[in-house]
Amino acid sequence: MRKWMLTWNLPNLFSGLYLHAIFLFGSVRVVHGDCTPEQLTAITNCSKHERHTRNYDYMEGGDVRIRQLFSRTQWFLTIDDFGNITGTQDPTNCHSILEIRTVSEGGVLAIKGVKSQYYISMTKAGQLQGKRIYNENCNFKEVFLENYFNAYSSAKWTKNGKEMFIALSQKGRPMRGRKTRREHIASHFIPMKCREEERRAD
């Protein structure tokens, strides 16, 4: 039988490790440059979702939750500094940290980017936009689905009597509400819960 021997090319190995270390250090510096310490803490701790531990207490008293909304199409919902709404697959993206605030009974809430300070709003035509100033277009109804995902439909607008939802396509792009349905996976999100908030609640 032939014996196979593994040979190490040390110069190439160390060169690869050096480049990898530079890449990681550069990534950390980019994240630190874009985020405040509070936002970095939120990103680090936003890792546990609410799939089996739903808490309905927030629906009273205007409670505020800090979350990342992870789409069933594998994208984190983001609102950037220009009010653009899109998806990212980078869990450390500062624009994916969202403030979800209850504004009235029946699960009506407003969603705002913590870093950008833009609210998600939906126009009458079903287009998602970022708004600096809160108004009725920023109200969404949170729907708890049987598959343990959540959906968020406009509390003000419908299309031919049908609900219009926040949705991210397979390419991470926002979809027009008139093309969305409750059963579409693009409309399904998991709120990623922050451990820091869990500790404050205990």
Protein backbone atom coordinates (compact mmCIF):
# COMPACT_ATOMS: atom_id res chain seq x y z
CA MET A 1 0.00 0.00 0.00
CA ARG A 2 1.14 3.52 -0.74
CA LYS A 3 1.64 5.82 2.19
CA TRP A 4 0.26 9.30 1.80
CA MET A 5 2.26 12.00 3.52
CA LEU A 6 0.94 15.48 4.27
CA THR A 7 3.59 18.12 3.65
CA TRP A 8 3.32 21.61 5.06
CA ASN A 9 4.46 24.65 3.16
CA LEU A 10 5.20 26.86 6.18
CA PRO A 11 5.81 30.14 4.32
CA ASN A 12 2.47 29.83 2.50
CA LEU A 13 0.71 28.69 5.68
CA PHE A 14 1.94 31.66 7.73
CA SER A 15 1.19 34.01 4.86
CA GLY A 16 -2.41 32.76 4.71
CA LEU A 17 -2.86 33.05 8.47
CA TYR A 18 -1.40 36.58 8.40
CA LEU A 19 -3.82 37.69 5.67
CA HIS A 20 -6.75 36.08 7.51
CA ALA A 21 -5.81 37.91 10.71
CA ILE A 22 -5.62 41.23 8.82
CA PHE A 23 -9.06 40.58 7.33
CA LEU A 24 -10.61 39.82 10.72
CA PHE A 25 -8.98 42.85 12.34
CA GLY A 26 -10.16 45.04 9.51
CA SER A 27 -13.72 43.72 9.86
CA VAL A 28 -13.74 44.45 13.59
CA ARG A 29 -12.43 47.97 12.97
CA VAL A 30 -15.16 48.63 10.40
CA VAL A 31 -17.85 47.50 12.83
CA HIS A 32 -16.37 49.56 15.65
CA GLY A 33 -16.10 52.58 13.38
CA ASP A 34 -19.75 52.47 12.40
CA CYS A 35 -21.37 51.62 15.74
CA THR A 36 -21.57 53.17 19.15
CA PRO A 37 -20.65 50.97 22.15
CA GLU A 38 -24.36 50.59 22.94
CA GLN A 39 -25.10 49.42 19.39
CA LEU A 40 -22.18 46.97 19.48
CA THR A 41 -23.52 45.55 22.73
CA ALA A 42 -26.97 45.21 21.17
CA ILE A 43 -25.56 43.40 18.13
CA THR A 44 -23.48 41.07 20.29
CA ASN A 45 -26.46 40.19 22.42
CA CYS A 46 -29.14 39.94 19.72
CA SER A 47 -28.82 36.24 19.19
CA LYS A 48 -31.77 34.50 20.82
CA HIS A 49 -35.09 34.53 19.01
CA GLU A 50 -38.58 34.36 20.48
CA ARG A 51 -39.67 31.19 18.70
CA HIS A 52 -40.79 29.34 21.81
CA THR A 53 -40.85 32.09 24.44
CA ARG A 54 -43.39 34.63 23.26
CA ASN A 55 -44.30 37.28 25.76
CA TYR A 56 -47.56 39.15 25.24
CA ASP A 57 -46.99 41.59 28.13
CA TYR A 58 -45.44 44.20 25.82
CA MET A 59 -48.83 44.73 24.14
CA GLU A 60 -49.88 46.88 27.08
CA GLY A 61 -48.28 50.12 28.21
CA GLY A 62 -46.30 51.04 25.10
CA ASP A 63 -43.45 48.62 25.75
CA VAL A 64 -40.25 48.87 23.70
CA ARG A 65 -38.23 45.92 22.41
CA ILE A 66 -34.80 46.03 20.77
CA ARG A 67 -34.63 43.32 18.11
CA GLN A 68 -33.21 42.15 14.81
CA LEU A 69 -35.87 40.92 12.40
CA PHE A 70 -34.58 37.86 10.56
CA SER A 71 -36.56 36.96 7.46
CA ARG A 72 -37.45 33.43 6.48
CA THR A 73 -35.68 34.29 3.18
CA GLN A 74 -32.46 34.51 5.26
CA TRP A 75 -32.02 38.30 5.48
CA PHE A 76 -31.86 40.72 8.38
CA LEU A 77 -34.12 43.75 7.88
CA THR A 78 -32.16 47.02 7.84
CA ILE A 79 -32.91 50.76 7.70
CA ASP A 80 -29.85 52.78 6.67
CA ASP A 81 -28.91 56.40 7.35
CA PHE A 82 -30.80 57.54 4.23
CA GLY A 83 -34.01 55.75 5.14
CA ASN A 84 -33.48 52.93 2.64
CA ILE A 85 -35.02 49.61 3.70
CA THR A 86 -33.34 46.44 2.55
CA GLY A 87 -31.85 43.16 3.77
CA THR A 88 -28.37 42.16 4.88
CA GLN A 89 -26.85 38.77 5.64
CA ASP A 90 -24.33 40.38 7.97
CA PRO A 91 -25.58 39.89 11.56
CA THR A 92 -23.18 42.62 12.78
CA ASN A 93 -24.70 45.32 10.57
CA CYS A 94 -25.60 48.23 12.87
CA HIS A 95 -28.61 49.15 10.75
CA SER A 96 -30.26 45.81 11.56
CA ILE A 97 -30.83 46.79 15.21
CA LEU A 98 -34.45 47.90 15.48
CA GLU A 99 -36.64 49.49 18.13
CA ILE A 100 -40.11 47.95 18.12
CA ARG A 101 -42.55 50.07 20.11
CA THR A 102 -46.19 49.30 20.87
CA VAL A 103 -48.31 52.33 19.94
CA SER A 104 -51.85 51.05 20.56
CA GLU A 105 -53.85 48.00 21.57
CA GLY A 106 -54.28 45.03 19.27
CA GLY A 107 -50.58 44.57 18.56
CA VAL A 108 -50.15 47.83 16.61
CA LEU A 109 -46.52 48.92 16.69
CA ALA A 110 -43.89 51.14 15.10
CA ILE A 111 -40.47 49.93 13.96
CA LYS A 112 -37.49 52.31 13.99
CA GLY A 113 -33.80 51.85 13.18
CA VAL A 114 -31.73 52.43 16.32
CA LYS A 115 -28.77 53.86 14.39
CA SER A 116 -30.54 55.67 11.55
CA GLN A 117 -33.53 56.88 13.62
CA TYR A 118 -35.81 56.27 10.60
CA TYR A 119 -39.20 54.62 11.01
CA ILE A 120 -40.43 51.98 8.57
CA SER A 121 -43.55 53.24 6.80
CA MET A 122 -45.74 51.92 4.01
CA THR A 123 -47.40 54.06 1.36
CA LYS A 124 -50.91 53.55 0.03
CA ALA A 125 -49.34 51.76 -2.96
CA GLY A 126 -47.56 49.35 -0.61
CA GLN A 127 -44.03 50.76 -0.96
CA LEU A 128 -41.75 50.59 2.08
CA GLN A 129 -40.03 53.85 3.01
CA GLY A 130 -38.03 55.28 5.87
CA LYS A 131 -39.56 58.27 7.66
CA ARG A 132 -37.85 60.59 10.12
CA ILE A 133 -41.14 61.74 11.62
CA TYR A 134 -43.61 59.16 12.92
CA ASN A 135 -47.11 59.15 11.38
CA GLU A 136 -49.97 56.70 10.80
CA ASN A 137 -48.17 55.14 7.83
CA CYS A 138 -45.59 53.83 10.32
CA ASN A 139 -48.14 51.66 12.14
CA PHE A 140 -47.99 47.91 11.62
CA LYS A 141 -49.95 45.03 13.09
CA GLU A 142 -47.86 42.19 14.47
CA VAL A 143 -49.32 38.82 13.49
CA PHE A 144 -48.21 35.65 15.28
CA LEU A 145 -48.21 32.84 12.74
CA GLU A 146 -48.77 29.14 13.42
CA ASN A 147 -45.24 28.31 12.25
CA TYR A 148 -43.78 30.48 15.07
CA PHE A 149 -42.78 33.27 12.70
CA ASN A 150 -44.23 36.78 12.89
CA ALA A 151 -45.65 38.93 10.10
CA TYR A 152 -46.10 42.72 10.03
CA SER A 153 -48.98 44.19 8.04
CA SER A 154 -49.82 47.84 7.49
CA ALA A 155 -52.34 49.00 10.08
CA LYS A 156 -53.61 51.72 7.74
CA TRP A 157 -53.49 50.44 4.18
CA THR A 158 -54.91 47.42 2.39
CA LYS A 159 -55.09 46.50 -1.30
CA ASN A 160 -58.56 45.40 -2.43
CA GLY A 161 -59.30 44.47 1.17
CA LYS A 162 -56.14 42.35 1.51
CA GLU A 163 -53.42 43.03 4.05
CA MET A 164 -50.06 44.35 2.85
CA PHE A 165 -46.96 43.08 4.68
CA ILE A 166 -43.37 44.02 5.26
CA ALA A 167 -41.46 41.49 3.15
CA LEU A 168 -37.95 40.80 1.87
CA SER A 169 -37.48 38.89 -1.37
CA GLN A 170 -35.05 36.01 -1.89
CA LYS A 171 -32.53 38.68 -2.98
CA GLY A 172 -33.04 40.73 0.17
CA ARG A 173 -35.03 43.48 -1.51
CA PRO A 174 -38.17 45.04 -0.05
CA MET A 175 -41.34 43.88 -1.80
CA ARG A 176 -44.35 46.03 -2.55
CA GLY A 177 -47.13 45.29 -0.13
CA ARG A 178 -49.65 44.56 -2.86
CA LYS A 179 -47.52 41.57 -3.93
CA THR A 180 -47.31 40.09 -0.44
CA ARG A 181 -49.49 37.57 1.35
CA ARG A 182 -49.59 36.28 4.90
CA GLU A 183 -48.60 32.78 3.72
CA HIS A 184 -45.57 33.95 1.70
CA ILE A 185 -42.22 33.16 3.33
CA ALA A 186 -40.97 36.63 2.32
CA SER A 187 -43.41 38.06 4.91
CA HIS A 188 -42.26 35.81 7.75
CA PHE A 189 -39.77 37.09 10.36
CA ILE A 190 -38.21 35.88 13.58
CA PRO A 191 -37.54 38.67 16.11
CA MET A 192 -34.04 38.00 17.44
CA LYS A 193 -34.22 38.73 21.15
CA CYS A 194 -31.40 40.45 23.03
CA ARG A 195 -29.95 38.87 26.16
CA GLU A 196 -29.42 42.28 27.73
CA GLU A 197 -33.16 42.88 27.58
CA GLU A 198 -33.83 39.46 29.07
CA ARG A 199 -31.63 40.32 32.06
CA ARG A 200 -33.41 43.65 32.60
CA ALA A 201 -36.77 41.87 32.57
CA ASP A 202 -35.72 39.29 35.20
